[in-house]
Amino acid sequence: MKTLALPFLLSLCLVFSTCASDDVLEQNNSETETNTLYFPPIDSNVWATTSAEHLGWNTNNLQPLLNFLEAKNSKSFIVLHNGKIVLEHYFKGHTERSLWYWASAGKTLTTSVTGIAQDEGLLNITHKVSDYLGTGWTSAAPEKEDLITCKNLLSMNSGLDDSLGDSVSPENLQYAADAGARWAYHNVYVKMQEVVARVSNQTWSEYFNVKLKNKIGMTGSWISIDELSVYWSNTRSMARFGLMISAKGKWENMPIISESFLNEATRASQDLNEAYGYLWWLNGKATYHLPQTQIEFPGELIPNAPQDMYAALGKNDQKIYIVPSKKLVLIRMGDAADAEGFGLSNFDNDLWEQINLVID
């Protein structure tokens, strides 16, 4: 996706200026750390905190981590442990109220809402896309289009040509291989938003707001850019989403997405790229593929990160990292740390080198 011009961003900030309240953080420095997962209130900006000292982290390395983040064009960085804020920092004039785009990290919002629709019996991801959108949604021959399931869209193995640009109009969705035979990073996944809108008899945004956004207290909005809906929000909204995912699809005692669907979404969804689930990137695998190439790379996606980590990765280094073994959710928003890129970058591994100096 393309980065929006600053004037447009400023106008968005005005439109959504009510996205955060003036409430202050609730400080929680209790000597007794419980294992109960914390959830911030829905209609408040209050969010309990804990300290790096209390967790036994190496606080001598905190400032070098923050210096690194600032030097790498970060706008915000949040670390949650068991749901509580350990670190929350903003850079270069960005604030708790500021909005920023999720880019492809927002693909996982589409995954989540698809899972909700399946939980409600509105769709089945093993069914053909044409069952919901009708025939002719691609330029592929009917018998080839008929092979593409919703699961193929979520897994990036639709077989459609990824070299024709970002448009998802039928003339741009052309056959390259049979569905399931080729992994390629492609914007065709947004057709799942159309599927959800059709089966729910609502717009994509309406269904998203009712079934996900409002239930976990997120702010923000979908903005259409070059035929794609891109999500913009403040950093805490991204942290709320990451927290819900780390809680296996629940917000407190309220189910949002079934745990069974999330288990599917966060494991290898096909054999072609074992580091990819349903629009989630998976660490700890023996090989991986990257956007715009058919090369299989050996080794883990992010060697310095915990093996059980899974991530939402967006253009220009928008990041959601979830680490179940360490009860961590980490969020980074900003401009590209180095060169512009679609998802994974050298910054991921460099950042985790710095994070490890703090948490290990």
Protein backbone atom coordinates (compact mmCIF):
# COMPACT_ATOMS: atom_id res chain seq x y z
CA MET A 1 0.00 0.00 0.00
CA LYS A 2 1.10 3.60 -0.49
CA THR A 3 1.94 5.92 2.41
CA LEU A 4 -0.58 8.75 2.64
CA ALA A 5 0.51 12.35 2.34
CA LEU A 6 0.93 14.30 5.57
CA PRO A 7 -2.00 16.69 4.92
CA PHE A 8 -4.35 13.76 4.56
CA LEU A 9 -3.00 12.22 7.76
CA LEU A 10 -3.56 15.48 9.60
CA SER A 11 -7.13 15.62 8.35
CA LEU A 12 -7.66 12.10 9.63
CA CYS A 13 -6.39 13.13 13.04
CA LEU A 14 -8.98 15.92 13.11
CA VAL A 15 -11.78 13.60 12.05
CA PHE A 16 -10.89 11.06 14.72
CA SER A 17 -9.73 13.51 17.39
CA THR A 18 -12.08 11.88 19.89
CA CYS A 19 -10.37 8.50 19.54
CA ALA A 20 -8.65 8.75 22.94
CA SER A 21 -9.77 10.18 26.27
CA ASP A 22 -7.78 12.30 28.69
CA ASP A 23 -7.83 9.63 31.38
CA VAL A 24 -4.47 8.79 32.89
CA LEU A 25 -2.88 5.40 33.22
CA GLU A 26 -3.79 3.31 36.19
CA GLN A 27 -0.49 2.37 37.79
CA ASN A 28 -0.25 -1.17 39.16
CA ASN A 29 3.05 -1.87 40.85
CA SER A 30 1.78 -4.52 43.24
CA GLU A 31 4.50 -6.65 44.76
CA THR A 32 2.48 -9.75 43.90
CA GLU A 33 2.27 -10.36 40.16
CA THR A 34 -0.64 -12.67 39.37
CA ASN A 35 -0.98 -14.86 36.33
CA THR A 36 -4.43 -13.45 35.57
CA LEU A 37 -4.51 -11.91 32.11
CA TYR A 38 -5.45 -8.24 32.36
CA PHE A 39 -7.84 -6.48 29.95
CA PRO A 40 -8.20 -2.68 29.91
CA PRO A 41 -11.76 -1.29 30.19
CA ILE A 42 -13.69 -0.92 26.93
CA ASP A 43 -14.88 2.69 27.29
CA SER A 44 -11.88 4.19 29.03
CA ASN A 45 -8.27 5.05 28.35
CA VAL A 46 -7.25 3.55 31.69
CA TRP A 47 -4.72 0.76 31.22
CA ALA A 48 -2.93 -0.90 34.14
CA THR A 49 0.84 -1.02 34.05
CA THR A 50 3.63 -3.08 35.48
CA SER A 51 7.32 -2.27 35.52
CA ALA A 52 10.36 -3.73 33.85
CA GLU A 53 12.02 -3.81 37.26
CA HIS A 54 9.16 -5.82 38.71
CA LEU A 55 9.50 -8.36 35.88
CA GLY A 56 13.23 -8.67 36.50
CA TRP A 57 14.20 -7.27 33.12
CA ASN A 58 17.57 -5.68 32.44
CA THR A 59 16.66 -2.02 32.83
CA ASN A 60 20.19 -0.90 31.95
CA ASN A 61 19.36 -1.80 28.36
CA LEU A 62 16.01 0.00 28.19
CA GLN A 63 17.38 3.35 27.03
CA PRO A 64 19.55 1.79 24.29
CA LEU A 65 16.41 0.00 23.03
CA LEU A 66 14.49 3.28 22.93
CA ASN A 67 17.42 5.05 21.24
CA PHE A 68 17.48 2.31 18.61
CA LEU A 69 13.74 2.63 18.00
CA GLU A 70 13.98 6.39 17.61
CA ALA A 71 16.96 6.14 15.27
CA LYS A 72 14.98 3.68 13.15
CA ASN A 73 12.12 6.10 12.44
CA SER A 74 9.68 4.63 14.96
CA LYS A 75 6.61 6.61 15.95
CA SER A 76 5.38 4.39 18.77
CA PHE A 77 6.29 1.26 20.70
CA ILE A 78 4.24 -0.66 23.24
CA VAL A 79 5.08 -3.82 25.19
CA LEU A 80 2.39 -5.71 27.10
CA HIS A 81 3.12 -8.43 29.62
CA ASN A 82 0.06 -10.45 30.62
CA GLY A 83 -2.00 -7.58 29.23
CA LYS A 84 -0.43 -4.81 31.30
CA ILE A 85 1.70 -2.07 29.78
CA VAL A 86 5.39 -2.42 30.56
CA LEU A 87 6.70 0.04 27.97
CA GLU A 88 4.84 2.75 26.05
CA HIS A 89 6.87 5.32 24.16
CA TYR A 90 6.17 7.81 21.37
CA PHE A 91 8.69 9.49 19.12
CA LYS A 92 9.00 12.40 16.68
CA GLY A 93 5.83 14.18 17.79
CA HIS A 94 3.62 11.09 17.61
CA THR A 95 1.32 10.77 20.64
CA GLU A 96 -1.15 8.37 22.21
CA ARG A 97 -3.88 10.11 20.17
CA SER A 98 -2.09 10.00 16.82
CA LEU A 99 -3.42 7.78 14.05
CA TRP A 100 -1.21 5.68 11.81
CA TYR A 101 -1.80 3.03 9.16
CA TRP A 102 -1.50 -0.69 9.84
CA ALA A 103 -0.64 -1.53 6.22
CA SER A 104 -0.44 -5.31 5.77
CA ALA A 105 -0.40 -5.88 9.53
CA GLY A 106 -4.12 -5.22 9.09
CA LYS A 107 -4.46 -8.38 7.01
CA THR A 108 -4.88 -10.16 10.32
CA LEU A 109 -8.01 -8.09 10.99
CA THR A 110 -9.48 -9.65 7.86
CA THR A 111 -8.48 -13.09 9.13
CA SER A 112 -10.14 -12.43 12.47
CA VAL A 113 -13.41 -11.14 11.05
CA THR A 114 -13.52 -14.06 8.62
CA GLY A 115 -13.18 -16.38 11.60
CA ILE A 116 -16.03 -14.59 13.38
CA ALA A 117 -18.25 -14.97 10.31
CA GLN A 118 -17.42 -18.67 10.12
CA ASP A 119 -18.12 -19.09 13.84
CA GLU A 120 -21.55 -17.57 13.20
CA GLY A 121 -22.22 -20.01 10.37
CA LEU A 122 -22.27 -17.32 7.69
CA LEU A 123 -19.46 -18.88 5.62
CA ASN A 124 -17.08 -21.80 5.47
CA ILE A 125 -13.50 -21.09 4.43
CA THR A 126 -13.24 -24.48 2.71
CA HIS A 127 -15.96 -23.42 0.26
CA LYS A 128 -15.25 -21.83 -3.11
CA VAL A 129 -15.01 -18.04 -3.31
CA SER A 130 -17.43 -18.18 -6.25
CA ASP A 131 -20.05 -19.71 -3.93
CA TYR A 132 -20.22 -16.28 -2.30
CA LEU A 133 -19.17 -13.81 -5.00
CA GLY A 134 -20.51 -15.60 -8.04
CA THR A 135 -18.50 -16.53 -11.11
CA GLY A 136 -16.28 -14.13 -13.03
CA TRP A 137 -14.60 -12.49 -10.04
CA THR A 138 -11.27 -13.33 -11.74
CA SER A 139 -10.08 -13.53 -15.35
CA ALA A 140 -9.16 -17.18 -14.91
CA ALA A 141 -10.96 -19.86 -16.88
CA PRO A 142 -14.13 -20.93 -15.03
CA GLU A 143 -12.73 -24.35 -14.17
CA LYS A 144 -9.61 -22.72 -12.67
CA GLU A 145 -11.49 -20.02 -10.78
CA ASP A 146 -13.69 -22.77 -9.41
CA LEU A 147 -10.68 -24.26 -7.60
CA ILE A 148 -10.08 -21.21 -5.41
CA THR A 149 -11.45 -21.46 -1.87
CA CYS A 150 -11.67 -18.82 0.83
CA LYS A 151 -8.91 -20.70 2.62
CA ASN A 152 -6.69 -20.21 -0.44
CA LEU A 153 -7.19 -16.43 -0.13
CA LEU A 154 -6.24 -16.51 3.56
CA SER A 155 -3.22 -18.72 2.86
CA MET A 156 -1.90 -16.74 -0.15
CA ASN A 157 -2.01 -19.79 -2.43
CA SER A 158 -4.87 -18.85 -4.75
CA GLY A 159 -2.67 -19.48 -7.81
CA LEU A 160 -3.44 -16.00 -9.18
CA ASP A 161 -0.66 -13.95 -10.75
CA ASP A 162 0.98 -11.64 -8.19
CA SER A 163 3.01 -9.66 -10.75
CA LEU A 164 0.20 -7.50 -12.16
CA GLY A 165 -0.01 -4.82 -9.49
CA ASP A 166 -2.25 -4.11 -6.53
CA SER A 167 -5.62 -3.94 -8.25
CA VAL A 168 -8.07 -6.73 -7.47
CA SER A 169 -10.40 -6.04 -10.39
CA PRO A 170 -11.26 -9.18 -12.39
CA GLU A 171 -9.00 -8.25 -15.32
CA ASN A 172 -6.05 -8.03 -12.92
CA LEU A 173 -6.71 -11.41 -11.28
CA GLN A 174 -5.22 -13.77 -13.81
CA TYR A 175 -4.33 -17.45 -13.62
CA ALA A 176 -0.74 -18.44 -12.88
CA ALA A 177 -1.17 -21.90 -11.34
CA ASP A 178 -3.88 -24.09 -9.90
CA ALA A 179 -5.08 -23.03 -6.46
CA GLY A 180 -2.91 -24.62 -3.80
CA ALA A 181 0.06 -25.15 -6.13
CA ARG A 182 1.84 -21.79 -5.74
CA TRP A 183 2.37 -19.42 -2.78
CA ALA A 184 2.45 -15.73 -3.69
CA TYR A 185 1.83 -12.65 -1.56
CA HIS A 186 -1.09 -10.89 -3.21
CA ASN A 187 -3.80 -8.35 -2.41
CA VAL A 188 -6.47 -10.77 -3.57
CA TYR A 189 -7.04 -11.60 0.11
CA VAL A 190 -9.28 -8.47 0.29
CA LYS A 191 -11.91 -10.46 -1.60
CA MET A 192 -12.60 -12.03 1.80
CA GLN A 193 -13.88 -8.63 2.90
CA GLU A 194 -16.36 -8.77 0.02
CA VAL A 195 -17.36 -12.28 1.01
CA VAL A 196 -18.01 -11.22 4.61
CA ALA A 197 -20.05 -8.22 3.45
CA ARG A 198 -22.17 -10.42 1.17
CA VAL A 199 -22.93 -13.12 3.73
CA SER A 200 -23.60 -10.66 6.57
CA ASN A 201 -25.77 -8.27 4.50
CA GLN A 202 -23.72 -5.41 5.91
CA THR A 203 -20.80 -3.38 4.69
CA TRP A 204 -17.38 -4.69 5.64
CA SER A 205 -16.86 -1.79 8.05
CA GLU A 206 -20.24 -2.25 9.71
CA TYR A 207 -19.67 -5.93 10.39
CA PHE A 208 -16.09 -5.27 11.55
CA ASN A 209 -17.20 -2.54 13.95
CA VAL A 210 -19.98 -4.56 15.56
CA LYS A 211 -18.22 -7.91 15.76
CA LEU A 212 -14.65 -6.88 16.60
CA LYS A 213 -13.76 -3.21 16.99
CA ASN A 214 -16.47 -2.18 19.46
CA LYS A 215 -16.24 -5.38 21.50
CA ILE A 216 -12.60 -4.83 22.43
CA GLY A 217 -12.59 -1.03 22.62
CA MET A 218 -10.58 -0.28 19.49
CA THR A 219 -10.72 3.08 17.74
CA GLY A 220 -9.89 3.91 14.15
CA SER A 221 -11.37 3.47 10.70
CA TRP A 222 -10.94 1.76 7.33
CA ILE A 223 -9.74 4.18 4.66
CA SER A 224 -9.97 3.25 0.98
CA ILE A 225 -6.69 3.68 -0.91
CA ASP A 226 -6.21 2.36 -4.46
CA GLU A 227 -9.10 -0.13 -4.19
CA LEU A 228 -7.86 -1.41 -0.82
CA SER A 229 -9.28 -0.73 2.63
CA VAL A 230 -6.41 0.15 4.97
CA TYR A 231 -6.94 0.39 8.71
CA TRP A 232 -5.81 3.49 10.63
CA SER A 233 -5.83 3.74 14.41
CA ASN A 234 -3.85 4.80 17.42
CA THR A 235 -1.19 2.46 18.76
CA ARG A 236 -3.20 1.30 21.74
CA SER A 237 -5.92 0.00 19.43
CA MET A 238 -3.35 -2.18 17.74
CA ALA A 239 -2.27 -3.34 21.21
CA ARG A 240 -5.88 -4.17 22.12
CA PHE A 241 -6.17 -6.36 19.03
CA GLY A 242 -2.89 -8.11 19.81
CA LEU A 243 -4.04 -8.70 23.38
CA MET A 244 -7.31 -10.29 22.22
CA ILE A 245 -5.42 -12.60 19.86
CA SER A 246 -2.95 -13.55 22.58
CA ALA A 247 -5.93 -14.35 24.83
CA LYS A 248 -6.99 -17.02 22.33
CA GLY A 249 -9.82 -14.97 20.90
CA LYS A 250 -11.43 -13.77 24.13
CA TRP A 251 -11.86 -10.39 25.77
CA GLU A 252 -12.12 -11.14 29.46
CA ASN A 253 -14.83 -13.86 29.51
CA MET A 254 -16.41 -12.83 26.20
CA PRO A 255 -15.54 -14.98 23.16
CA ILE A 256 -14.69 -12.87 20.10
CA ILE A 257 -13.19 -15.52 17.80
CA SER A 258 -13.15 -19.24 18.45
CA GLU A 259 -9.88 -20.63 19.79
CA SER A 260 -10.08 -23.45 17.24
CA PHE A 261 -10.07 -20.98 14.33
CA LEU A 262 -7.16 -19.02 15.80
CA ASN A 263 -5.21 -22.24 16.27
CA GLU A 264 -5.64 -22.89 12.54
CA ALA A 265 -4.80 -19.30 11.64
CA THR A 266 -1.51 -19.29 13.54
CA ARG A 267 -0.02 -22.51 12.21
CA ALA A 268 1.23 -23.33 8.72
CA SER A 269 -1.82 -23.29 6.47
CA GLN A 270 -0.14 -24.99 3.49
CA ASP A 271 3.09 -26.81 2.58
CA LEU A 272 4.49 -24.17 0.23
CA ASN A 273 5.41 -21.57 2.87
CA GLU A 274 5.53 -23.13 6.31
CA ALA A 275 6.10 -19.70 7.88
CA TYR A 276 2.61 -18.52 6.89
CA GLY A 277 -0.78 -19.20 8.39
CA TYR A 278 -4.00 -17.33 7.61
CA LEU A 279 -2.32 -13.98 6.88
CA TRP A 280 -0.16 -14.40 10.02
CA TRP A 281 3.62 -14.84 9.77
CA LEU A 282 5.05 -17.69 11.85
CA ASN A 283 8.49 -17.87 13.41
CA GLY A 284 10.40 -21.02 14.32
CA LYS A 285 10.00 -22.82 11.00
CA ALA A 286 12.79 -24.42 8.96
CA THR A 287 12.12 -22.38 5.80
CA TYR A 288 10.10 -19.40 4.61
CA HIS A 289 9.05 -17.49 1.49
CA LEU A 290 8.86 -13.71 1.05
CA PRO A 291 6.69 -11.41 -1.07
CA GLN A 292 7.55 -10.98 -4.77
CA THR A 293 9.74 -14.06 -5.01
CA GLN A 294 9.31 -17.79 -5.45
CA ILE A 295 12.58 -18.55 -3.64
CA GLU A 296 12.45 -20.72 -0.54
CA PHE A 297 14.81 -19.34 2.11
CA PRO A 298 16.37 -21.64 4.73
CA GLY A 299 16.13 -20.87 8.42
CA GLU A 300 13.73 -19.10 10.74
CA LEU A 301 11.81 -16.00 9.72
CA ILE A 302 13.27 -13.90 12.57
CA PRO A 303 16.16 -15.84 14.17
CA ASN A 304 16.53 -13.52 17.15
CA ALA A 305 12.84 -13.78 18.08
CA PRO A 306 11.34 -16.58 20.21
CA GLN A 307 10.48 -19.65 18.17
CA ASP A 308 6.81 -19.59 19.17
CA MET A 309 6.34 -15.98 18.11
CA TYR A 310 3.81 -15.16 15.39
CA ALA A 311 3.43 -11.76 13.83
CA ALA A 312 1.43 -9.34 11.74
CA LEU A 313 3.90 -7.55 9.48
CA GLY A 314 3.03 -4.45 7.45
CA LYS A 315 4.71 -2.26 4.89
CA ASN A 316 7.33 0.10 6.29
CA ASP A 317 7.70 -1.88 9.51
CA GLN A 318 4.27 -1.86 11.11
CA LYS A 319 4.53 -4.75 13.60
CA ILE A 320 2.45 -6.87 15.96
CA TYR A 321 4.54 -9.55 17.68
CA ILE A 322 2.82 -12.12 19.90
CA VAL A 323 4.94 -14.42 22.08
CA PRO A 324 2.84 -16.92 24.06
CA SER A 325 5.78 -18.42 25.98
CA LYS A 326 6.71 -15.01 27.40
CA LYS A 327 3.16 -13.62 27.71
CA LEU A 328 4.20 -10.69 25.51
CA VAL A 329 2.49 -8.54 22.90
CA LEU A 330 4.72 -5.95 21.21
CA ILE A 331 3.61 -3.17 18.86
CA ARG A 332 5.72 -0.94 16.63
CA MET A 333 4.35 1.76 14.31
CA GLY A 334 6.30 4.23 12.22
CA ASP A 335 8.07 4.94 8.98
CA ALA A 336 10.36 2.38 7.36
CA ALA A 337 13.31 1.65 9.62
CA ASP A 338 15.62 1.42 6.62
CA ALA A 339 14.45 0.79 3.06
CA GLU A 340 10.75 0.51 2.23
CA GLY A 341 9.46 -3.05 2.24
CA PHE A 342 6.28 -5.10 2.24
CA GLY A 343 6.50 -7.06 5.49
CA LEU A 344 9.59 -8.76 6.86
CA SER A 345 12.74 -6.62 6.96
CA ASN A 346 16.19 -6.68 8.54
CA PHE A 347 14.70 -4.42 11.18
CA ASP A 348 12.74 -7.34 12.67
CA ASN A 349 15.85 -9.29 13.57
CA ASP A 350 17.78 -6.18 14.65
CA LEU A 351 14.91 -5.06 16.86
CA TRP A 352 14.66 -8.45 18.53
CA GLU A 353 18.38 -8.35 19.25
CA GLN A 354 17.75 -5.18 21.23
CA ILE A 355 14.58 -6.52 22.89
CA ASN A 356 16.41 -9.66 24.06
CA LEU A 357 18.98 -7.53 25.86
CA VAL A 358 16.12 -6.16 27.95
CA ILE A 359 13.86 -9.18 28.57
CA ASP A 360 16.42 -12.01 28.87
